[in-house]
């Protein structure tokens, strides 16, 4: 598994996530240019009870929360991704999802560029710090670009707009598959520390999609995060 000790890990995650940001922005810009923005944002995503507007709102708020964590790390503080907890996260998504679509597009773009600027300006000391994610678990700052990359790859597919999990970046899959595998096996009963045989027969991308609850192949139970 690639780790922060891999000298290419951080660079690859930053570059890869930036490319995924641009793919997402281009997808949304095409809708704006076509003049179908209202209908497009109101349409359902693949996630229960979430419209496409909710998915984009979540991505915007997620980027803003990462900017906050990098700012705290620069101050030597182990920040909380959402200081108000799950309620603040939920309220923020609902507030942004209710915005006029063009305003949501603008805030989404601004949040992405603010995050990429934060990556560029984070000091070596801050990169070695830690933070608390939405669930309150401690995470390494240096892992945050990968976590953001996961959000962008997965939720771009959740928009149900022509990009699916089969289109996930292979480098992202290579980095995240071992992490998600470790998380899943840690939840299994003692003595059952490997994935089911049906999962091991899948391609890497299909297996990761299953682990992330985006694909349920024959012979396997649906996964939830």
Foldseek 3Di string as FASTA:
>chain_A
DDDPVPPCVLVCLLVLLVVLLVVLLVLQVVCVVVVNQVVLQQDCFLDPPHGNLLLLQLLLLQLVLLLVCLVCLLVVHQEESQVVAPVSSVVSSVVRSPDDRVVSSVSSVVSVVSSSVSVVPRDPSSQQGWYAYRVRDIDGSSCVSLVSSVSSQCSSQRSVRPRHLVNRDPVSLVVCLVVLLQVVLVPDDPPRNHDDPVLVPDDSSQSVCQSDQNDDDPPGDGHHD
